Amino acid sequence: MKQLIANSVDLHQDMKRNFVLDKLLEQGITKSQQGQDIHLLSYEELKYELVLQSFREIDVAKDANRWF
């Protein structure tokens, strides 16, 4: 039973990682900020790269997106 639960958790983590990885690849991101291949990054590192990419997409020329 413990093995089944561990496998389920591992599968869930892999699915989350693959989801973020796919999002980055869809946007043409293949390298991290540090130049690493994104396929080698952990889930947490991939999430960070996705956040950075989302900031790059913000159109700061629009008044609604300006911070000040």
C-alpha atoms as a PDB file:
ATOM      1  CA  MET A   1       0.000   0.000   0.000  1.00  0.00           C
ATOM      2  CA  LYS A   2       2.836   2.435   0.863  1.00  0.00           C
ATOM      3  CA  GLN A   3       4.446   1.707  -2.484  1.00  0.00           C
ATOM      4  CA  LEU A   4       1.194   2.536  -4.287  1.00  0.00           C
ATOM      5  CA  ILE A   5       0.917   5.854  -2.473  1.00  0.00           C
ATOM      6  CA  ALA A   6       4.561   6.697  -3.194  1.00  0.00           C
ATOM      7  CA  ASN A   7       4.072   5.889  -6.874  1.00  0.00           C
ATOM      8  CA  SER A   8       0.966   8.055  -6.974  1.00  0.00           C
ATOM      9  CA  VAL A   9       2.816  11.000  -5.429  1.00  0.00           C
ATOM     10  CA  ASP A  10       5.719  10.567  -7.854  1.00  0.00           C
ATOM     11  CA  LEU A  11       3.313  10.433 -10.787  1.00  0.00           C
ATOM     12  CA  HIS A  12       1.578  13.598  -9.614  1.00  0.00           C
ATOM     13  CA  GLN A  13       4.908  15.429  -9.270  1.00  0.00           C
ATOM     14  CA  ASP A  14       5.950  14.285 -12.745  1.00  0.00           C
ATOM     15  CA  MET A  15       2.652  15.480 -14.201  1.00  0.00           C
ATOM     16  CA  LYS A  16       3.049  18.931 -12.618  1.00  0.00           C
ATOM     17  CA  ARG A  17       6.636  19.208 -13.837  1.00  0.00           C
ATOM     18  CA  ASN A  18       5.684  18.138 -17.362  1.00  0.00           C
ATOM     19  CA  PHE A  19       2.808  20.641 -17.435  1.00  0.00           C
ATOM     20  CA  VAL A  20       5.130  23.562 -16.619  1.00  0.00           C
ATOM     21  CA  LEU A  21       7.793  22.238 -18.978  1.00  0.00           C
ATOM     22  CA  ASP A  22       5.246  22.056 -21.811  1.00  0.00           C
ATOM     23  CA  LYS A  23       4.112  25.634 -21.137  1.00  0.00           C
ATOM     24  CA  LEU A  24       7.686  26.883 -21.409  1.00  0.00           C
ATOM     25  CA  LEU A  25       8.353  24.899 -24.581  1.00  0.00           C
ATOM     26  CA  GLU A  26       5.137  26.267 -26.147  1.00  0.00           C
ATOM     27  CA  GLN A  27       6.513  29.766 -25.600  1.00  0.00           C
ATOM     28  CA  GLY A  28       9.841  28.887 -27.170  1.00  0.00           C
ATOM     29  CA  ILE A  29      11.814  28.769 -23.927  1.00  0.00           C
ATOM     30  CA  THR A  30      14.544  26.120 -24.074  1.00  0.00           C
ATOM     31  CA  LYS A  31      17.157  27.588 -21.718  1.00  0.00           C
ATOM     32  CA  SER A  32      16.899  28.971 -18.185  1.00  0.00           C
ATOM     33  CA  GLN A  33      18.086  32.425 -17.169  1.00  0.00           C
ATOM     34  CA  GLN A  34      21.397  30.764 -16.251  1.00  0.00           C
ATOM     35  CA  GLY A  35      21.673  29.042 -19.629  1.00  0.00           C
ATOM     36  CA  GLN A  36      20.702  25.535 -18.508  1.00  0.00           C
ATOM     37  CA  ASP A  37      18.582  23.269 -20.683  1.00  0.00           C
ATOM     38  CA  ILE A  38      15.077  23.441 -19.185  1.00  0.00           C
ATOM     39  CA  HIS A  39      14.693  19.678 -19.485  1.00  0.00           C
ATOM     40  CA  LEU A  40      17.270  19.368 -16.685  1.00  0.00           C
ATOM     41  CA  LEU A  41      15.533  21.722 -14.246  1.00  0.00           C
ATOM     42  CA  SER A  42      13.523  20.728 -11.184  1.00  0.00           C
ATOM     43  CA  TYR A  43       9.836  21.521 -10.854  1.00  0.00           C
ATOM     44  CA  GLU A  44      10.583  24.519  -8.622  1.00  0.00           C
ATOM     45  CA  GLU A  45      13.139  25.877 -11.097  1.00  0.00           C
ATOM     46  CA  LEU A  46      10.688  25.413 -13.961  1.00  0.00           C
ATOM     47  CA  LYS A  47       7.998  27.329 -12.063  1.00  0.00           C
ATOM     48  CA  TYR A  48      10.450  30.182 -11.546  1.00  0.00           C
ATOM     49  CA  GLU A  49      11.253  30.296 -15.266  1.00  0.00           C
ATOM     50  CA  LEU A  50       7.528  30.313 -16.096  1.00  0.00           C
ATOM     51  CA  VAL A  51       6.969  33.271 -13.781  1.00  0.00           C
ATOM     52  CA  LEU A  52       9.844  35.145 -15.415  1.00  0.00           C
ATOM     53  CA  GLN A  53       8.344  34.440 -18.833  1.00  0.00           C
ATOM     54  CA  SER A  54       4.939  35.710 -17.720  1.00  0.00           C
ATOM     55  CA  PHE A  55       6.561  38.994 -16.639  1.00  0.00           C
ATOM     56  CA  ARG A  56       8.136  39.342 -20.080  1.00  0.00           C
ATOM     57  CA  GLU A  57       4.686  39.097 -21.679  1.00  0.00           C
ATOM     58  CA  ILE A  58       3.229  42.057 -19.775  1.00  0.00           C
ATOM     59  CA  ASP A  59       2.731  45.044 -22.056  1.00  0.00           C
ATOM     60  CA  VAL A  60       3.939  47.928 -19.894  1.00  0.00           C
ATOM     61  CA  ALA A  61       2.906  50.445 -22.511  1.00  0.00           C
ATOM     62  CA  LYS A  62      -0.736  49.941 -21.510  1.00  0.00           C
ATOM     63  CA  ASP A  63      -1.869  52.166 -18.657  1.00  0.00           C
ATOM     64  CA  ALA A  64      -3.625  49.251 -16.929  1.00  0.00           C
ATOM     65  CA  ASN A  65      -0.321  47.369 -16.642  1.00  0.00           C
ATOM     66  CA  ARG A  66       1.792  50.174 -15.245  1.00  0.00           C
ATOM     67  CA  TRP A  67       2.860  49.867 -11.635  1.00  0.00           C
ATOM     68  CA  PHE A  68       3.263  53.589 -11.047  1.00  0.00           C
END
